[in-house]
Amino acid sequence: MKKILFYFIFIIILIFAMPIVFTNQFKTKEVVSTEMEEEKFDYGKYSTIKLLHTETGEVEELDLDTYLYRSSFK
């Protein structure tokens, strides 16, 4: 009975230890982006959007905030 319990515990430990042995270590790299520091994005250019209704061919112009607010409830 002790041998069976020992083998069972050994197999359980082996099952959980195998992925640790064969898994690669994660390496993190720090990326420094100079593009964002140099260029400030101007959101003012994109304050309105135009929607094309395909059924009627009508173009509707909306504020971006209104469009995002409405689309969150669909």
N, C-alpha and C. Protein backbone atom coordinates (compact mmCIF):
# COMPACT_ATOMS: atom_id res chain seq x y z
N MET A 1 0.82 -1.19 0.00
CA MET A 1 0.00 0.00 0.00
C MET A 1 0.87 1.25 0.00
N LYS A 2 1.98 1.23 0.73
CA LYS A 2 2.86 2.39 0.79
C LYS A 2 3.53 2.61 -0.56
N LYS A 3 3.86 1.51 -1.26
CA LYS A 3 4.49 1.65 -2.57
C LYS A 3 3.53 2.30 -3.56
N ILE A 4 2.29 1.90 -3.53
CA ILE A 4 1.29 2.46 -4.43
C ILE A 4 1.11 3.95 -4.16
N LEU A 5 1.03 4.33 -2.90
CA LEU A 5 0.90 5.74 -2.53
C LEU A 5 2.14 6.53 -2.96
N PHE A 6 3.33 5.93 -2.76
CA PHE A 6 4.57 6.58 -3.17
C PHE A 6 4.59 6.77 -4.69
N TYR A 7 4.22 5.77 -5.46
CA TYR A 7 4.19 5.88 -6.92
C TYR A 7 3.16 6.92 -7.37
N PHE A 8 2.03 6.96 -6.72
CA PHE A 8 0.99 7.93 -7.06
C PHE A 8 1.49 9.36 -6.83
N ILE A 9 2.09 9.61 -5.69
CA ILE A 9 2.63 10.94 -5.38
C ILE A 9 3.75 11.29 -6.36
N PHE A 10 4.60 10.32 -6.67
CA PHE A 10 5.70 10.55 -7.61
C PHE A 10 5.16 10.93 -8.99
N ILE A 11 4.14 10.25 -9.45
CA ILE A 11 3.55 10.55 -10.77
C ILE A 11 2.92 11.94 -10.78
N ILE A 12 2.24 12.29 -9.71
CA ILE A 12 1.62 13.62 -9.62
C ILE A 12 2.69 14.71 -9.65
N ILE A 13 3.76 14.54 -8.90
CA ILE A 13 4.85 15.51 -8.90
C ILE A 13 5.49 15.58 -10.28
N LEU A 14 5.66 14.44 -10.91
CA LEU A 14 6.25 14.40 -12.25
C LEU A 14 5.38 15.13 -13.26
N ILE A 15 4.08 14.96 -13.17
CA ILE A 15 3.16 15.62 -14.09
C ILE A 15 3.26 17.14 -13.97
N PHE A 16 3.38 17.65 -12.73
CA PHE A 16 3.47 19.09 -12.55
C PHE A 16 4.88 19.63 -12.77
N ALA A 17 5.90 18.79 -12.66
CA ALA A 17 7.28 19.24 -12.82
C ALA A 17 7.71 19.25 -14.28
N MET A 18 7.15 18.41 -15.11
CA MET A 18 7.56 18.34 -16.51
C MET A 18 7.37 19.66 -17.25
N PRO A 19 6.23 20.34 -17.13
CA PRO A 19 6.11 21.63 -17.83
C PRO A 19 7.13 22.66 -17.35
N ILE A 20 7.51 22.62 -16.10
CA ILE A 20 8.50 23.56 -15.58
C ILE A 20 9.84 23.34 -16.24
N VAL A 21 10.19 22.09 -16.44
CA VAL A 21 11.49 21.76 -17.03
C VAL A 21 11.54 22.14 -18.50
N PHE A 22 10.47 21.90 -19.23
CA PHE A 22 10.49 22.09 -20.68
C PHE A 22 9.96 23.45 -21.16
N THR A 23 9.59 24.31 -20.26
CA THR A 23 9.09 25.63 -20.64
C THR A 23 10.24 26.62 -20.69
N ASN A 24 10.26 27.43 -21.75
CA ASN A 24 11.28 28.48 -21.87
C ASN A 24 10.99 29.61 -20.89
N GLN A 25 12.04 30.24 -20.45
CA GLN A 25 11.88 31.39 -19.58
C GLN A 25 11.44 32.59 -20.40
N PHE A 26 10.53 33.39 -19.84
CA PHE A 26 10.09 34.59 -20.52
C PHE A 26 11.15 35.67 -20.36
N LYS A 27 11.45 36.31 -21.46
CA LYS A 27 12.41 37.40 -21.44
C LYS A 27 11.67 38.67 -21.82
N THR A 28 11.76 39.67 -20.99
CA THR A 28 11.09 40.92 -21.27
C THR A 28 12.10 41.91 -21.82
N LYS A 29 11.64 42.69 -22.78
CA LYS A 29 12.48 43.72 -23.38
C LYS A 29 11.78 45.05 -23.21
N GLU A 30 12.54 46.04 -22.87
CA GLU A 30 11.99 47.38 -22.73
C GLU A 30 12.15 48.09 -24.07
N VAL A 31 11.04 48.57 -24.59
CA VAL A 31 11.05 49.25 -25.87
C VAL A 31 10.79 50.73 -25.63
N VAL A 32 11.69 51.53 -26.12
CA VAL A 32 11.55 52.97 -25.98
C VAL A 32 11.14 53.55 -27.32
N SER A 33 9.99 54.17 -27.35
CA SER A 33 9.49 54.74 -28.59
C SER A 33 9.71 56.25 -28.56
N THR A 34 10.45 56.72 -29.51
CA THR A 34 10.69 58.16 -29.59
C THR A 34 9.66 58.85 -30.46
N GLU A 35 8.90 58.09 -31.23
CA GLU A 35 7.90 58.68 -32.11
C GLU A 35 6.80 59.38 -31.32
N MET A 36 6.33 58.77 -30.25
CA MET A 36 5.26 59.36 -29.46
C MET A 36 5.72 60.62 -28.74
N GLU A 37 6.98 60.67 -28.36
CA GLU A 37 7.49 61.83 -27.67
C GLU A 37 7.64 63.01 -28.62
N GLU A 38 8.00 62.73 -29.86
CA GLU A 38 8.24 63.79 -30.82
C GLU A 38 6.94 64.35 -31.40
N GLU A 39 5.99 63.48 -31.67
CA GLU A 39 4.77 63.89 -32.35
C GLU A 39 3.58 63.77 -31.42
N LYS A 40 2.93 64.88 -31.17
CA LYS A 40 1.71 64.87 -30.35
C LYS A 40 0.52 64.69 -31.28
N PHE A 41 -0.36 63.76 -30.96
CA PHE A 41 -1.50 63.46 -31.81
C PHE A 41 -2.59 64.49 -31.58
N ASP A 42 -3.14 65.02 -32.65
CA ASP A 42 -4.17 66.05 -32.58
C ASP A 42 -5.53 65.40 -32.81
N TYR A 43 -6.29 65.24 -31.74
CA TYR A 43 -7.62 64.64 -31.85
C TYR A 43 -8.65 65.64 -32.36
N GLY A 44 -8.31 66.89 -32.42
CA GLY A 44 -9.24 67.90 -32.88
C GLY A 44 -9.63 67.73 -34.33
N LYS A 45 -8.76 67.13 -35.12
CA LYS A 45 -9.07 66.90 -36.53
C LYS A 45 -10.16 65.86 -36.70
N TYR A 46 -10.34 65.02 -35.72
CA TYR A 46 -11.28 63.90 -35.84
C TYR A 46 -12.46 64.06 -34.90
N SER A 47 -13.00 65.26 -34.83
CA SER A 47 -14.11 65.48 -33.90
C SER A 47 -15.46 65.11 -34.49
N THR A 48 -15.54 65.00 -35.82
CA THR A 48 -16.80 64.58 -36.45
C THR A 48 -16.52 63.42 -37.40
N ILE A 49 -17.54 62.60 -37.57
CA ILE A 49 -17.44 61.48 -38.51
C ILE A 49 -18.66 61.51 -39.43
N LYS A 50 -18.51 60.89 -40.58
CA LYS A 50 -19.61 60.81 -41.54
C LYS A 50 -20.02 59.36 -41.68
N LEU A 51 -21.31 59.11 -41.55
CA LEU A 51 -21.87 57.77 -41.70
C LEU A 51 -22.64 57.70 -43.01
N LEU A 52 -22.42 56.65 -43.76
CA LEU A 52 -23.15 56.43 -45.01
C LEU A 52 -24.20 55.36 -44.75
N HIS A 53 -25.45 55.73 -44.91
CA HIS A 53 -26.55 54.77 -44.80
C HIS A 53 -26.72 54.12 -46.17
N THR A 54 -26.39 52.84 -46.26
CA THR A 54 -26.36 52.17 -47.57
C THR A 54 -27.74 52.00 -48.18
N GLU A 55 -28.76 51.88 -47.35
CA GLU A 55 -30.11 51.68 -47.90
C GLU A 55 -30.64 52.93 -48.57
N THR A 56 -30.39 54.09 -47.95
CA THR A 56 -30.94 55.34 -48.49
C THR A 56 -29.90 56.15 -49.24
N GLY A 57 -28.63 55.88 -49.05
CA GLY A 57 -27.58 56.66 -49.69
C GLY A 57 -27.31 57.98 -48.99
N GLU A 58 -27.95 58.18 -47.85
CA GLU A 58 -27.82 59.43 -47.09
C GLU A 58 -26.53 59.42 -46.28
N VAL A 59 -25.87 60.57 -46.21
CA VAL A 59 -24.66 60.72 -45.41
C VAL A 59 -25.03 61.53 -44.17
N GLU A 60 -24.77 60.96 -43.01
CA GLU A 60 -25.09 61.62 -41.75
C GLU A 60 -23.77 62.01 -41.07
N GLU A 61 -23.70 63.24 -40.60
CA GLU A 61 -22.50 63.73 -39.93
C GLU A 61 -22.79 63.85 -38.44
N LEU A 62 -21.95 63.19 -37.64
CA LEU A 62 -22.13 63.16 -36.18
C LEU A 62 -20.85 63.56 -35.47
N ASP A 63 -21.01 64.11 -34.27
CA ASP A 63 -19.85 64.31 -33.41
C ASP A 63 -19.34 62.94 -32.98
N LEU A 64 -18.05 62.83 -32.81
CA LEU A 64 -17.45 61.56 -32.44
C LEU A 64 -17.96 61.07 -31.08
N ASP A 65 -18.11 61.98 -30.14
CA ASP A 65 -18.60 61.61 -28.82
C ASP A 65 -20.02 61.05 -28.89
N THR A 66 -20.86 61.66 -29.70
CA THR A 66 -22.24 61.18 -29.85
C THR A 66 -22.26 59.79 -30.47
N TYR A 67 -21.44 59.58 -31.50
CA TYR A 67 -21.38 58.28 -32.15
C TYR A 67 -20.91 57.19 -31.19
N LEU A 68 -19.86 57.49 -30.43
CA LEU A 68 -19.36 56.50 -29.48
C LEU A 68 -20.36 56.23 -28.37
N TYR A 69 -21.05 57.25 -27.93
CA TYR A 69 -22.05 57.09 -26.88
C TYR A 69 -23.20 56.21 -27.36
N ARG A 70 -23.65 56.44 -28.59
CA ARG A 70 -24.76 55.64 -29.13
C ARG A 70 -24.35 54.19 -29.39
N SER A 71 -23.13 53.98 -29.89
CA SER A 71 -22.71 52.64 -30.24
C SER A 71 -22.47 51.76 -29.01
N SER A 72 -22.31 52.37 -27.85
CA SER A 72 -22.08 51.57 -26.65
C SER A 72 -23.37 50.93 -26.15
N PHE A 73 -24.52 51.38 -26.63
CA PHE A 73 -25.80 50.82 -26.19
C PHE A 73 -26.38 49.79 -27.15
N LYS A 74 -25.69 49.52 -28.24
CA LYS A 74 -26.21 48.54 -29.21
C LYS A 74 -25.82 47.15 -28.82
